[in-house]
Amino acid sequence: MPEIITKLSMLLGVSFTSGINLYLTVCMVGLAGKFGWGNEVGLQGFESLANWPVIIISGLLFVVEFLADKLPAVDHVWNAVHSFVRPVAAAAIGVMVVSDDPATGAAGWIMAGLGAALVATTTNAAKVGSRVMVAASPEPFSDILLSLAGDGVVLVLAGLAIAYPVPTAIVCTILLAIILYLLPLFWRAMAFAVRVAWQAAVALFVRDSVHHALNDMEPEDADALAKIKLAHKKAQLVLPANVKGLRGAGWLRRGKLIFIDGHAVFVYRKWMRRRIVQVPVAEVAHARLKRRIFSNLLWMQTPRGAMSFLTTRRTDRRTDHALELLGHAPPPQADGPATNASPPLPSPQAG
């Protein structure tokens, strides 16, 4: 088999795992090169990683990432920063692998770097997106389990890439195809994470207000309400949210939870069309609110099943008011950062 195929297969596997856990990947490849483990041809071009300073630093950073990735809120900040670091590092590794072959030239360097960066970006999107989706779960342990599973995947795939580059590259190609199929789902999750971070920054300077709570409806939302004969009523609350558990909507579908005339109506867009889910408030059996550091999780049990709505911390007052409209008192703000106490939003009179 041509050496270039083996080297590029090794690069594919390393790029794949770098998008999930960069430092563990670099440490494993460095140790393999240092002690002569694995496929000798595949390890050619990775000599720069096979020195003790790189191995020790990457090992220490892996320990830091292992701990940071298990801590609520810290894991999201860490992954947000490393969403830029991982693809750039993978691109540098790609250029490094092919640079020792003078026949590749500048075009080969660019293609190897871009290819490695794209692979790492794809797997990083899968990691960050899946972590955000799991964060929508009311219980706290699934996030830690998913982090451990990611570390295990990197350990296995990086080890296989070092020992058997070509078969591992085939496996990684299949996994990449699956990730690309699910990419819209991961993209929605990442978009929510970016919006949460932005709203958290905005909340430091601009507070949510009654005006925002009652005037966020767009003309298309009113048209959607007209289909269920509620457009002539005045909304009590408009709450931007991402839904989980709504059949047919998909995970973390963005929309607006509108409380109007004794109904909780979720309006969202899918396939270029406005969709409506209407639940009478009287039919909501249970509802609870869990505060997180950067977001809120509003959970309700309805005849359609359990639904979870993720909202940003900037809309704390609206989320509290939503729980009140569902017939429950909001919890104290104990789990999140200290905020200025605010009176609950008043319910407007019907127009």
Protein backbone atom coordinates (compact mmCIF):
# COMPACT_ATOMS: atom_id res chain seq x y z
CA MET A 1 0.00 0.00 0.00
CA PRO A 2 1.39 3.46 -0.88
CA GLU A 3 2.84 5.27 2.12
CA ILE A 4 0.83 8.41 1.40
CA ILE A 5 -2.44 6.46 1.83
CA THR A 6 -1.32 5.20 5.23
CA LYS A 7 -0.17 8.65 6.35
CA LEU A 8 -3.38 10.36 5.20
CA SER A 9 -5.46 7.64 6.86
CA MET A 10 -3.59 8.27 10.08
CA LEU A 11 -4.18 12.01 9.65
CA LEU A 12 -7.91 11.43 9.17
CA GLY A 13 -8.16 9.44 12.40
CA VAL A 14 -6.10 12.00 14.34
CA SER A 15 -8.16 14.90 12.95
CA PHE A 16 -11.37 13.10 13.87
CA THR A 17 -10.36 12.63 17.50
CA SER A 18 -8.74 16.08 17.74
CA GLY A 19 -12.17 17.64 17.27
CA ILE A 20 -13.36 15.80 20.38
CA ASN A 21 -10.32 15.87 22.66
CA LEU A 22 -7.27 17.55 21.19
CA TYR A 23 -4.88 17.12 24.10
CA LEU A 24 -5.52 13.41 24.65
CA THR A 25 -4.98 12.82 20.93
CA VAL A 26 -1.70 14.74 20.82
CA CYS A 27 -0.45 13.01 23.98
CA MET A 28 -1.26 9.53 22.61
CA VAL A 29 0.33 10.19 19.22
CA GLY A 30 3.39 11.70 20.90
CA LEU A 31 3.84 8.70 23.19
CA ALA A 32 3.36 6.29 20.27
CA GLY A 33 6.01 8.08 18.24
CA LYS A 34 8.38 8.32 21.20
CA PHE A 35 8.28 4.62 22.03
CA GLY A 36 7.70 3.23 18.53
CA TRP A 37 4.20 1.94 19.15
CA GLY A 38 1.82 1.40 16.25
CA ASN A 39 2.25 1.68 12.50
CA GLU A 40 5.67 3.10 11.64
CA VAL A 41 4.60 4.43 8.25
CA GLY A 42 1.50 6.09 9.69
CA LEU A 43 3.55 7.82 12.38
CA GLN A 44 5.87 9.38 9.81
CA GLY A 45 5.30 13.11 9.81
CA PHE A 46 4.20 13.16 13.45
CA GLU A 47 7.78 13.30 14.74
CA SER A 48 7.29 16.84 16.06
CA LEU A 49 4.77 15.50 18.58
CA ALA A 50 7.14 12.76 19.78
CA ASN A 51 9.15 14.87 22.20
CA TRP A 52 8.81 15.18 25.95
CA PRO A 53 7.82 18.88 26.18
CA VAL A 54 4.87 18.31 23.82
CA ILE A 55 3.89 15.05 25.54
CA ILE A 56 4.05 16.53 29.06
CA ILE A 57 2.22 19.76 28.18
CA SER A 58 -0.52 17.94 26.25
CA GLY A 59 -0.86 15.43 29.10
CA LEU A 60 -1.27 18.19 31.67
CA LEU A 61 -3.78 20.01 29.48
CA PHE A 62 -5.69 16.75 29.06
CA VAL A 63 -5.98 16.47 32.85
CA VAL A 64 -7.28 20.05 32.98
CA GLU A 65 -9.78 19.33 30.19
CA PHE A 66 -10.86 16.07 31.83
CA LEU A 67 -11.81 17.99 34.98
CA ALA A 68 -13.19 21.11 33.29
CA ASP A 69 -15.36 19.03 30.98
CA LYS A 70 -17.17 17.54 33.98
CA LEU A 71 -18.06 20.82 35.72
CA PRO A 72 -21.38 22.54 34.89
CA ALA A 73 -20.98 25.85 33.04
CA VAL A 74 -17.18 25.45 32.99
CA ASP A 75 -17.56 22.74 30.35
CA HIS A 76 -19.55 25.06 28.07
CA VAL A 77 -17.00 27.86 28.37
CA TRP A 78 -14.14 25.41 27.76
CA ASN A 79 -15.80 23.90 24.70
CA ALA A 80 -16.70 27.34 23.34
CA VAL A 81 -13.07 28.44 23.46
CA HIS A 82 -11.78 25.14 22.08
CA SER A 83 -14.25 25.22 19.20
CA PHE A 84 -11.66 27.54 17.65
CA VAL A 85 -8.56 25.84 19.06
CA ARG A 86 -9.30 22.28 17.90
CA PRO A 87 -9.75 22.96 14.15
CA VAL A 88 -6.70 25.26 14.07
CA ALA A 89 -4.55 22.66 15.82
CA ALA A 90 -5.82 19.94 13.47
CA ALA A 91 -4.92 22.12 10.48
CA ALA A 92 -1.40 22.62 11.87
CA ILE A 93 -1.03 18.86 12.32
CA GLY A 94 -2.24 18.29 8.75
CA VAL A 95 0.36 20.66 7.34
CA MET A 96 3.04 19.10 9.54
CA VAL A 97 2.29 15.58 8.29
CA VAL A 98 2.67 16.39 4.59
CA SER A 99 5.39 19.03 4.86
CA ASP A 100 8.18 16.42 5.03
CA ASP A 101 7.32 15.28 1.50
CA PRO A 102 8.72 17.82 -1.02
CA ALA A 103 6.47 16.40 -3.74
CA THR A 104 3.31 17.71 -2.07
CA GLY A 105 4.06 21.40 -2.50
CA ALA A 106 2.06 24.34 -1.19
CA ALA A 107 -1.19 23.04 -2.68
CA GLY A 108 -0.80 19.76 -0.80
CA TRP A 109 -0.11 21.61 2.44
CA ILE A 110 -3.25 23.71 2.02
CA MET A 111 -5.43 20.71 1.16
CA ALA A 112 -4.12 18.68 4.09
CA GLY A 113 -4.57 21.58 6.51
CA LEU A 114 -8.07 22.44 5.33
CA GLY A 115 -9.13 18.80 5.26
CA ALA A 116 -7.91 18.19 8.80
CA ALA A 117 -9.57 21.40 10.00
CA LEU A 118 -12.90 20.47 8.38
CA VAL A 119 -12.87 17.00 9.94
CA ALA A 120 -12.05 18.43 13.37
CA THR A 121 -14.71 21.12 12.97
CA THR A 122 -17.32 18.48 12.15
CA THR A 123 -16.53 16.29 15.14
CA ASN A 124 -16.26 19.34 17.38
CA ALA A 125 -19.74 20.40 16.26
CA ALA A 126 -21.02 16.94 17.16
CA LYS A 127 -19.41 17.15 20.59
CA VAL A 128 -20.59 20.66 21.45
CA GLY A 129 -24.05 20.12 19.97
CA SER A 130 -24.62 16.85 21.81
CA ARG A 131 -23.46 18.42 25.08
CA VAL A 132 -25.93 21.27 24.69
CA MET A 133 -28.74 18.83 23.90
CA VAL A 134 -27.96 16.73 26.96
CA ALA A 135 -27.91 19.92 29.04
CA ALA A 136 -31.66 20.09 28.33
CA SER A 137 -32.13 17.04 30.54
CA PRO A 138 -33.48 17.82 34.03
CA GLU A 139 -30.99 15.49 35.74
CA PRO A 140 -27.30 16.43 36.05
CA PHE A 141 -25.50 13.13 35.43
CA SER A 142 -26.03 12.60 31.70
CA ASP A 143 -23.65 15.48 30.89
CA ILE A 144 -20.83 13.81 32.85
CA LEU A 145 -21.56 10.41 31.29
CA LEU A 146 -21.45 11.92 27.80
CA SER A 147 -18.12 13.56 28.59
CA LEU A 148 -16.70 10.24 29.77
CA ALA A 149 -18.06 8.55 26.64
CA GLY A 150 -16.30 11.14 24.47
CA ASP A 151 -13.01 10.50 26.25
CA GLY A 152 -13.51 6.78 25.69
CA VAL A 153 -14.20 7.26 21.98
CA VAL A 154 -11.00 9.28 21.59
CA LEU A 155 -8.98 6.71 23.51
CA VAL A 156 -10.23 3.86 21.31
CA LEU A 157 -10.18 5.60 17.92
CA ALA A 158 -6.83 7.32 18.44
CA GLY A 159 -5.32 4.02 19.56
CA LEU A 160 -6.76 2.23 16.53
CA ALA A 161 -5.57 5.00 14.19
CA ILE A 162 -2.04 4.62 15.55
CA ALA A 163 -2.05 0.84 15.14
CA TYR A 164 -4.33 0.36 12.09
CA PRO A 165 -4.57 3.66 10.17
CA VAL A 166 -6.46 2.53 7.07
CA PRO A 167 -9.27 0.47 8.71
CA THR A 168 -9.72 3.24 11.28
CA ALA A 169 -9.99 5.82 8.50
CA ILE A 170 -12.84 3.79 6.99
CA VAL A 171 -14.64 3.72 10.35
CA CYS A 172 -14.10 7.47 10.79
CA THR A 173 -15.48 8.13 7.30
CA ILE A 174 -18.68 6.26 8.17
CA LEU A 175 -18.98 8.16 11.45
CA LEU A 176 -18.43 11.46 9.63
CA ALA A 177 -21.28 10.61 7.25
CA ILE A 178 -23.57 10.01 10.24
CA ILE A 179 -22.49 13.28 11.86
CA LEU A 180 -23.10 15.20 8.63
CA TYR A 181 -26.61 13.72 8.46
CA LEU A 182 -27.27 14.95 12.02
CA LEU A 183 -25.47 18.26 11.50
CA PRO A 184 -28.66 20.41 11.38
CA LEU A 185 -29.52 19.09 14.83
CA PHE A 186 -26.06 19.87 16.18
CA TRP A 187 -26.15 23.27 14.50
CA ARG A 188 -29.38 24.21 16.32
CA ALA A 189 -27.79 23.20 19.60
CA MET A 190 -24.65 25.24 18.90
CA ALA A 191 -26.75 28.23 17.82
CA PHE A 192 -28.61 28.04 21.13
CA ALA A 193 -25.31 27.93 23.01
CA VAL A 194 -24.08 31.04 21.17
CA ARG A 195 -27.36 32.82 21.87
CA VAL A 196 -27.15 31.93 25.57
CA ALA A 197 -23.63 33.36 25.79
CA TRP A 198 -24.65 36.53 23.94
CA GLN A 199 -27.76 37.05 26.07
CA ALA A 200 -25.72 36.50 29.23
CA ALA A 201 -23.40 39.31 28.13
CA VAL A 202 -26.31 41.58 27.17
CA ALA A 203 -28.02 40.90 30.51
CA LEU A 204 -25.11 42.62 32.27
CA PHE A 205 -26.17 45.92 30.70
CA VAL A 206 -29.82 45.56 29.61
CA ARG A 207 -32.51 44.08 31.81
CA ASP A 208 -35.54 42.25 30.54
CA SER A 209 -38.69 44.34 30.69
CA VAL A 210 -42.45 44.13 30.45
CA HIS A 211 -42.18 45.81 27.06
CA HIS A 212 -39.96 43.01 25.77
CA ALA A 213 -42.22 40.38 27.29
CA LEU A 214 -45.39 41.61 25.61
CA ASN A 215 -44.17 42.92 22.26
CA ASP A 216 -42.01 40.13 20.87
CA MET A 217 -44.73 38.75 18.61
CA GLU A 218 -44.14 39.13 14.90
CA PRO A 219 -46.89 39.41 12.27
CA GLU A 220 -46.26 35.78 11.29
CA ASP A 221 -46.92 34.74 14.91
CA ALA A 222 -50.24 36.59 14.84
CA ASP A 223 -51.12 34.85 11.58
CA ALA A 224 -50.37 31.50 13.22
CA LEU A 225 -52.61 32.36 16.18
CA ALA A 226 -55.37 33.34 13.76
CA LYS A 227 -55.46 29.74 12.54
CA ILE A 228 -56.53 28.62 16.02
CA LYS A 229 -58.83 31.65 16.46
CA LEU A 230 -56.75 33.35 19.14
CA ALA A 231 -55.40 36.30 17.17
CA HIS A 232 -58.06 38.65 18.56
CA LYS A 233 -56.94 37.92 22.12
CA LYS A 234 -54.11 39.77 23.84
CA ALA A 235 -51.06 37.72 24.76
CA GLN A 236 -50.17 37.54 28.43
CA LEU A 237 -46.58 36.50 27.78
CA VAL A 238 -44.24 35.86 24.85
CA LEU A 239 -41.21 33.74 25.77
CA PRO A 240 -38.50 32.86 23.20
CA ALA A 241 -37.42 29.28 23.86
CA ASN A 242 -35.94 26.10 22.40
CA VAL A 243 -38.12 23.04 22.86
CA LYS A 244 -37.15 19.47 23.59
CA GLY A 245 -39.57 16.56 23.63
CA LEU A 246 -42.11 17.94 21.16
CA ARG A 247 -42.87 15.22 18.65
CA GLY A 248 -42.20 16.29 15.09
CA ALA A 249 -40.35 19.48 16.01
CA GLY A 250 -36.89 18.02 16.44
CA TRP A 251 -34.55 18.61 19.36
CA LEU A 252 -34.01 22.20 20.49
CA ARG A 253 -36.26 23.69 17.84
CA ARG A 254 -36.35 27.45 18.33
CA GLY A 255 -39.70 29.18 18.66
CA LYS A 256 -41.90 31.25 20.95
CA LEU A 257 -43.99 30.05 23.86
CA ILE A 258 -47.04 32.32 23.93
CA PHE A 259 -49.52 32.39 26.81
CA ILE A 260 -52.87 33.64 25.57
CA ASP A 261 -56.48 33.15 26.68
CA GLY A 262 -55.71 30.21 28.99
CA HIS A 263 -53.54 28.40 26.45
CA ALA A 264 -49.82 27.78 26.13
CA VAL A 265 -49.06 27.98 22.40
CA PHE A 266 -45.65 27.13 20.97
CA VAL A 267 -45.07 28.64 17.52
CA TYR A 268 -42.04 27.51 15.54
CA ARG A 269 -40.82 27.27 11.97
CA LYS A 270 -39.98 24.01 10.19
CA TRP A 271 -39.46 23.46 6.48
CA MET A 272 -40.27 27.13 5.78
CA ARG A 273 -43.68 26.85 7.46
CA ARG A 274 -45.02 28.06 10.79
CA ARG A 275 -46.12 25.21 13.03
CA ILE A 276 -48.38 25.53 16.08
CA VAL A 277 -48.73 23.40 19.20
CA GLN A 278 -51.58 24.42 21.50
CA VAL A 279 -51.99 23.14 25.06
CA PRO A 280 -54.68 24.41 27.45
CA VAL A 281 -53.02 25.52 30.67
CA ALA A 282 -55.65 23.60 32.64
CA GLU A 283 -54.37 20.36 31.07
CA VAL A 284 -50.77 20.88 32.25
CA ALA A 285 -50.50 18.31 35.03
CA HIS A 286 -47.10 19.34 36.39
CA ALA A 287 -44.60 22.11 35.75
CA ARG A 288 -41.27 23.01 37.26
CA LEU A 289 -38.37 25.34 36.61
CA LYS A 290 -34.70 24.49 37.02
CA ARG A 291 -32.22 27.32 36.96
CA ARG A 292 -28.83 26.80 35.42
CA ILE A 293 -25.89 29.15 35.41
CA PHE A 294 -26.42 30.33 31.83
CA SER A 295 -29.95 29.10 31.03
CA ASN A 296 -33.30 28.04 32.48
CA LEU A 297 -35.15 24.77 31.94
CA LEU A 298 -38.95 24.99 32.08
CA TRP A 299 -40.48 21.50 32.16
CA MET A 300 -44.16 20.67 31.85
CA GLN A 301 -46.19 17.48 31.68
CA THR A 302 -48.94 17.78 29.07
CA PRO A 303 -51.37 15.43 27.32
CA ARG A 304 -48.83 15.38 24.47
CA GLY A 305 -46.15 14.14 26.88
CA ALA A 306 -43.32 15.87 28.71
CA MET A 307 -41.88 19.00 27.12
CA SER A 308 -38.80 20.99 28.11
CA PHE A 309 -38.26 24.62 27.14
CA LEU A 310 -34.78 26.12 27.39
CA THR A 311 -34.60 29.87 27.85
CA THR A 312 -31.73 32.28 28.38
CA ARG A 313 -30.98 33.84 31.77
CA ARG A 314 -31.82 37.26 30.35
CA THR A 315 -35.47 36.14 30.27
CA ASP A 316 -35.52 35.07 33.94
CA ARG A 317 -38.52 37.29 34.73
CA ARG A 318 -40.49 35.98 31.78
CA THR A 319 -39.67 32.38 32.64
CA ASP A 320 -40.78 32.96 36.24
CA HIS A 321 -44.01 34.49 34.98
CA ALA A 322 -44.56 31.51 32.66
CA LEU A 323 -44.37 29.19 35.66
CA GLU A 324 -46.87 31.40 37.50
CA LEU A 325 -49.26 31.26 34.55
CA LEU A 326 -48.97 27.47 34.67
CA GLY A 327 -50.11 27.64 38.30
CA HIS A 328 -46.77 27.18 40.04
CA ALA A 329 -44.51 29.51 41.99
CA PRO A 330 -41.02 30.08 40.58
CA PRO A 331 -38.06 28.72 42.58
CA PRO A 332 -35.61 31.02 44.34
CA GLN A 333 -32.61 32.12 42.26
CA ALA A 334 -30.09 29.96 44.09
CA ASP A 335 -28.38 27.97 41.35
CA GLY A 336 -27.42 30.87 39.09
CA PRO A 337 -25.29 33.94 39.52
CA ALA A 338 -26.42 36.68 41.83
CA THR A 339 -28.94 38.95 40.17
CA ASN A 340 -30.85 42.01 41.23
CA ALA A 341 -34.21 41.09 42.66
CA SER A 342 -37.07 42.00 40.35
CA PRO A 343 -40.80 42.02 40.94
CA PRO A 344 -42.79 39.51 38.88
CA LEU A 345 -44.17 40.61 35.56
CA PRO A 346 -47.75 41.84 35.83
CA SER A 347 -50.46 40.13 33.82
CA PRO A 348 -51.91 42.67 31.40
CA GLN A 349 -55.60 43.20 31.07
CA ALA A 350 -57.23 41.61 28.06
CA GLY A 351 -57.62 44.05 25.26
